[in-house]
């Protein structure tokens, strides 16, 4: 079985995230969407909320499952018998950072990293930008799934 992990904080989930997950789901037998537990970072949504939301917005893909992890991603990969990581790349600066991480991860564990160029219509999109726009009342409805849009409005303007 060909397995891959799509890691991230997913706070919140964007259409760019879903694009990478969906494309990976067409290429692999199983895609594990791994939500990072980062206790040093304050998140808008709890890990459980992100897992529930991701499970809902990816339910169309029978081969996608959602999990959480803390610590090193390569340890999660080894514990779950996942040989590869898929990362979306929006811009050159993403590649500079992710290449270093990929090389380090391979050195530590032999886990491969595959880079998938983001669909150009999502190249400007990031969770932090979505949160900022939503905080100031901007319309993010075309940037996130409908469920996420609803949850953002409730959380930020509630």
C-alpha atoms as a PDB file:
ATOM      1  CA  UNK A   1       0.000   0.000   0.000  1.00  0.00           C
ATOM      2  CA  UNK A   2       1.375   3.398  -1.003  1.00  0.00           C
ATOM      3  CA  UNK A   3       0.950   5.799   1.922  1.00  0.00           C
ATOM      4  CA  UNK A   4       1.814   9.453   2.365  1.00  0.00           C
ATOM      5  CA  UNK A   5       1.321  12.117   5.010  1.00  0.00           C
ATOM      6  CA  UNK A   6       0.151  15.708   4.461  1.00  0.00           C
ATOM      7  CA  UNK A   7       1.188  17.556   7.637  1.00  0.00           C
ATOM      8  CA  UNK A   8       0.236  21.000   8.865  1.00  0.00           C
ATOM      9  CA  UNK A   9      -1.393  23.094  11.518  1.00  0.00           C
ATOM     10  CA  UNK A  10      -4.507  23.668   9.371  1.00  0.00           C
ATOM     11  CA  UNK A  11      -5.595  26.667  11.451  1.00  0.00           C
ATOM     12  CA  UNK A  12      -7.814  27.171   9.533  1.00  0.00           C
ATOM     13  CA  UNK A  13      -8.118  24.755   6.628  1.00  0.00           C
ATOM     14  CA  UNK A  14      -7.947  26.554   3.282  1.00  0.00           C
ATOM     15  CA  UNK A  15      -8.927  25.586  -0.247  1.00  0.00           C
ATOM     16  CA  UNK A  16      -5.197  25.386  -0.945  1.00  0.00           C
ATOM     17  CA  UNK A  17      -4.838  22.674   1.702  1.00  0.00           C
ATOM     18  CA  UNK A  18      -7.764  20.781   0.203  1.00  0.00           C
ATOM     19  CA  UNK A  19      -6.274  21.036  -3.271  1.00  0.00           C
ATOM     20  CA  UNK A  20      -3.028  19.375  -2.136  1.00  0.00           C
ATOM     21  CA  UNK A  21      -4.890  16.725  -0.105  1.00  0.00           C
ATOM     22  CA  UNK A  22      -7.205  15.909  -3.023  1.00  0.00           C
ATOM     23  CA  UNK A  23      -4.363  15.661  -5.515  1.00  0.00           C
ATOM     24  CA  UNK A  24      -2.385  13.422  -3.152  1.00  0.00           C
ATOM     25  CA  UNK A  25      -5.495  11.256  -2.674  1.00  0.00           C
ATOM     26  CA  UNK A  26      -5.569  10.589  -6.424  1.00  0.00           C
ATOM     27  CA  UNK A  27      -1.938   9.432  -6.360  1.00  0.00           C
ATOM     28  CA  UNK A  28      -1.739   7.361  -3.166  1.00  0.00           C
ATOM     29  CA  UNK A  29      -3.661   4.476  -1.646  1.00  0.00           C
ATOM     30  CA  UNK A  30      -3.851   6.285   1.697  1.00  0.00           C
ATOM     31  CA  UNK A  31      -3.292   9.910   2.649  1.00  0.00           C
ATOM     32  CA  UNK A  32      -2.904  10.703   6.328  1.00  0.00           C
ATOM     33  CA  UNK A  33      -3.622  14.351   7.069  1.00  0.00           C
ATOM     34  CA  UNK A  34      -1.560  14.970  10.201  1.00  0.00           C
ATOM     35  CA  UNK A  35      -2.529  17.923  12.384  1.00  0.00           C
ATOM     36  CA  UNK A  36       0.381  19.336  14.340  1.00  0.00           C
ATOM     37  CA  UNK A  37      -0.085  19.835  18.070  1.00  0.00           C
ATOM     38  CA  UNK A  38       2.068  22.873  18.836  1.00  0.00           C
ATOM     39  CA  UNK A  39       1.673  23.955  22.457  1.00  0.00           C
ATOM     40  CA  UNK A  40       3.946  26.968  21.890  1.00  0.00           C
ATOM     41  CA  UNK A  41       1.628  28.467  19.271  1.00  0.00           C
ATOM     42  CA  UNK A  42      -1.766  29.948  20.053  1.00  0.00           C
ATOM     43  CA  UNK A  43      -4.295  28.609  17.598  1.00  0.00           C
ATOM     44  CA  UNK A  44      -7.691  29.917  16.637  1.00  0.00           C
ATOM     45  CA  UNK A  45      -9.166  26.398  16.617  1.00  0.00           C
ATOM     46  CA  UNK A  46      -8.364  23.529  18.950  1.00  0.00           C
ATOM     47  CA  UNK A  47      -6.677  20.428  17.590  1.00  0.00           C
ATOM     48  CA  UNK A  48      -9.942  18.511  18.032  1.00  0.00           C
ATOM     49  CA  UNK A  49     -11.890  21.169  16.108  1.00  0.00           C
ATOM     50  CA  UNK A  50      -9.365  21.041  13.278  1.00  0.00           C
ATOM     51  CA  UNK A  51      -9.495  17.243  13.166  1.00  0.00           C
ATOM     52  CA  UNK A  52     -13.308  17.221  13.125  1.00  0.00           C
ATOM     53  CA  UNK A  53     -13.422  19.885  10.426  1.00  0.00           C
ATOM     54  CA  UNK A  54     -10.777  18.183   8.284  1.00  0.00           C
ATOM     55  CA  UNK A  55     -12.622  14.874   8.612  1.00  0.00           C
ATOM     56  CA  UNK A  56     -15.795  16.541   7.380  1.00  0.00           C
ATOM     57  CA  UNK A  57     -14.295  18.476   4.464  1.00  0.00           C
ATOM     58  CA  UNK A  58     -12.281  15.477   3.229  1.00  0.00           C
ATOM     59  CA  UNK A  59     -15.017  12.852   3.574  1.00  0.00           C
ATOM     60  CA  UNK A  60     -15.375  12.717  -0.225  1.00  0.00           C
ATOM     61  CA  UNK A  61     -11.990  10.972  -0.304  1.00  0.00           C
ATOM     62  CA  UNK A  62     -12.355   7.422   0.966  1.00  0.00           C
ATOM     63  CA  UNK A  63      -8.579   7.035   1.237  1.00  0.00           C
ATOM     64  CA  UNK A  64      -7.967  10.069   3.468  1.00  0.00           C
ATOM     65  CA  UNK A  65      -7.793   9.816   7.229  1.00  0.00           C
ATOM     66  CA  UNK A  66      -7.027  12.533   9.751  1.00  0.00           C
ATOM     67  CA  UNK A  67      -4.730  12.151  12.751  1.00  0.00           C
ATOM     68  CA  UNK A  68      -2.831  14.384  15.150  1.00  0.00           C
ATOM     69  CA  UNK A  69       0.816  14.385  16.115  1.00  0.00           C
ATOM     70  CA  UNK A  70       3.306  16.203  18.279  1.00  0.00           C
ATOM     71  CA  UNK A  71       7.048  16.066  18.195  1.00  0.00           C
ATOM     72  CA  UNK A  72       8.962  15.154  15.073  1.00  0.00           C
ATOM     73  CA  UNK A  73       6.992  14.426  11.926  1.00  0.00           C
ATOM     74  CA  UNK A  74       9.469  11.702  10.989  1.00  0.00           C
ATOM     75  CA  UNK A  75       8.705   9.903  14.267  1.00  0.00           C
ATOM     76  CA  UNK A  76       5.004  10.015  13.368  1.00  0.00           C
ATOM     77  CA  UNK A  77       5.863   8.629   9.921  1.00  0.00           C
ATOM     78  CA  UNK A  78       7.906   5.779  11.362  1.00  0.00           C
ATOM     79  CA  UNK A  79       5.247   4.921  13.965  1.00  0.00           C
ATOM     80  CA  UNK A  80       2.579   4.801  11.237  1.00  0.00           C
ATOM     81  CA  UNK A  81       4.684   3.119   8.523  1.00  0.00           C
ATOM     82  CA  UNK A  82       4.475   6.144   6.213  1.00  0.00           C
ATOM     83  CA  UNK A  83       7.486   6.453   3.880  1.00  0.00           C
ATOM     84  CA  UNK A  84       6.777   9.879   2.381  1.00  0.00           C
ATOM     85  CA  UNK A  85       5.620  13.412   3.133  1.00  0.00           C
ATOM     86  CA  UNK A  86       3.747  15.571   0.614  1.00  0.00           C
ATOM     87  CA  UNK A  87       4.209  19.316   0.921  1.00  0.00           C
ATOM     88  CA  UNK A  88       2.517  22.010  -1.134  1.00  0.00           C
ATOM     89  CA  UNK A  89       4.860  24.696  -2.435  1.00  0.00           C
ATOM     90  CA  UNK A  90       3.405  28.135  -3.173  1.00  0.00           C
ATOM     91  CA  UNK A  91       6.458  30.302  -3.762  1.00  0.00           C
ATOM     92  CA  UNK A  92      10.248  30.045  -3.893  1.00  0.00           C
ATOM     93  CA  UNK A  93      10.599  30.967  -0.214  1.00  0.00           C
ATOM     94  CA  UNK A  94       8.435  27.935   0.679  1.00  0.00           C
ATOM     95  CA  UNK A  95      10.810  25.764  -1.322  1.00  0.00           C
ATOM     96  CA  UNK A  96      13.905  27.191   0.399  1.00  0.00           C
ATOM     97  CA  UNK A  97      12.505  26.324   3.824  1.00  0.00           C
ATOM     98  CA  UNK A  98      10.917  22.987   2.879  1.00  0.00           C
ATOM     99  CA  UNK A  99      14.012  21.736   1.045  1.00  0.00           C
ATOM    100  CA  UNK A 100      16.084  22.126   4.194  1.00  0.00           C
ATOM    101  CA  UNK A 101      13.414  20.309   6.224  1.00  0.00           C
ATOM    102  CA  UNK A 102      13.198  17.541   3.607  1.00  0.00           C
ATOM    103  CA  UNK A 103      16.947  16.998   3.638  1.00  0.00           C
ATOM    104  CA  UNK A 104      17.036  16.943   7.437  1.00  0.00           C
ATOM    105  CA  UNK A 105      14.067  14.555   7.635  1.00  0.00           C
ATOM    106  CA  UNK A 106      15.706  12.212   5.156  1.00  0.00           C
ATOM    107  CA  UNK A 107      18.987  12.335   7.070  1.00  0.00           C
ATOM    108  CA  UNK A 108      17.192  11.579  10.356  1.00  0.00           C
ATOM    109  CA  UNK A 109      14.928   8.798   9.146  1.00  0.00           C
ATOM    110  CA  UNK A 110      15.029   8.062   5.436  1.00  0.00           C
ATOM    111  CA  UNK A 111      11.522   9.502   5.010  1.00  0.00           C
ATOM    112  CA  UNK A 112      11.172  11.100   1.574  1.00  0.00           C
ATOM    113  CA  UNK A 113       9.524  14.470   0.935  1.00  0.00           C
ATOM    114  CA  UNK A 114       7.644  15.154  -2.279  1.00  0.00           C
ATOM    115  CA  UNK A 115       6.896  18.716  -3.333  1.00  0.00           C
ATOM    116  CA  UNK A 116       3.649  19.505  -5.101  1.00  0.00           C
ATOM    117  CA  UNK A 117       3.308  22.922  -6.713  1.00  0.00           C
ATOM    118  CA  UNK A 118       0.216  24.713  -5.528  1.00  0.00           C
ATOM    119  CA  UNK A 119      -2.525  25.419  -8.003  1.00  0.00           C
ATOM    120  CA  UNK A 120      -1.805  29.022  -9.128  1.00  0.00           C
ATOM    121  CA  UNK A 121      -5.218  30.182  -7.922  1.00  0.00           C
ATOM    122  CA  UNK A 122      -4.073  29.365  -4.344  1.00  0.00           C
ATOM    123  CA  UNK A 123      -0.473  30.606  -4.561  1.00  0.00           C
ATOM    124  CA  UNK A 124      -1.231  33.650  -2.394  1.00  0.00           C
ATOM    125  CA  UNK A 125      -3.250  31.744   0.187  1.00  0.00           C
ATOM    126  CA  UNK A 126      -2.172  31.015   3.756  1.00  0.00           C
ATOM    127  CA  UNK A 127      -4.026  30.277   6.969  1.00  0.00           C
ATOM    128  CA  UNK A 128      -2.554  33.336   8.671  1.00  0.00           C
ATOM    129  CA  UNK A 129      -3.726  35.631   5.850  1.00  0.00           C
ATOM    130  CA  UNK A 130      -7.197  34.092   5.954  1.00  0.00           C
ATOM    131  CA  UNK A 131      -7.417  34.713   9.705  1.00  0.00           C
ATOM    132  CA  UNK A 132      -6.231  38.301   9.319  1.00  0.00           C
ATOM    133  CA  UNK A 133      -8.745  39.066   6.565  1.00  0.00           C
ATOM    134  CA  UNK A 134     -11.576  37.439   8.518  1.00  0.00           C
ATOM    135  CA  UNK A 135     -10.651  39.293  11.747  1.00  0.00           C
ATOM    136  CA  UNK A 136     -11.114  42.606   9.940  1.00  0.00           C
ATOM    137  CA  UNK A 137     -14.415  41.588   8.393  1.00  0.00           C
ATOM    138  CA  UNK A 138     -13.117  40.715   4.938  1.00  0.00           C
ATOM    139  CA  UNK A 139     -14.809  38.093   2.808  1.00  0.00           C
ATOM    140  CA  UNK A 140     -12.869  34.809   2.862  1.00  0.00           C
ATOM    141  CA  UNK A 141     -15.714  32.686   1.522  1.00  0.00           C
ATOM    142  CA  UNK A 142     -13.861  31.818  -1.681  1.00  0.00           C
ATOM    143  CA  UNK A 143     -10.666  30.937   0.158  1.00  0.00           C
ATOM    144  CA  UNK A 144     -11.915  28.268   2.559  1.00  0.00           C
ATOM    145  CA  UNK A 145     -14.511  25.488   2.504  1.00  0.00           C
ATOM    146  CA  UNK A 146     -18.049  26.593   3.428  1.00  0.00           C
ATOM    147  CA  UNK A 147     -17.891  24.848   6.807  1.00  0.00           C
ATOM    148  CA  UNK A 148     -14.633  26.591   7.676  1.00  0.00           C
ATOM    149  CA  UNK A 149     -16.086  29.937   6.600  1.00  0.00           C
ATOM    150  CA  UNK A 150     -19.033  29.428   8.930  1.00  0.00           C
ATOM    151  CA  UNK A 151     -16.751  28.435  11.820  1.00  0.00           C
ATOM    152  CA  UNK A 152     -14.456  31.407  11.216  1.00  0.00           C
ATOM    153  CA  UNK A 153     -17.358  33.843  11.286  1.00  0.00           C
ATOM    154  CA  UNK A 154     -18.666  32.298  14.508  1.00  0.00           C
ATOM    155  CA  UNK A 155     -15.259  32.321  16.182  1.00  0.00           C
ATOM    156  CA  UNK A 156     -14.068  35.764  15.124  1.00  0.00           C
ATOM    157  CA  UNK A 157     -17.255  37.785  15.048  1.00  0.00           C
ATOM    158  CA  UNK A 158     -19.407  35.687  17.356  1.00  0.00           C
END
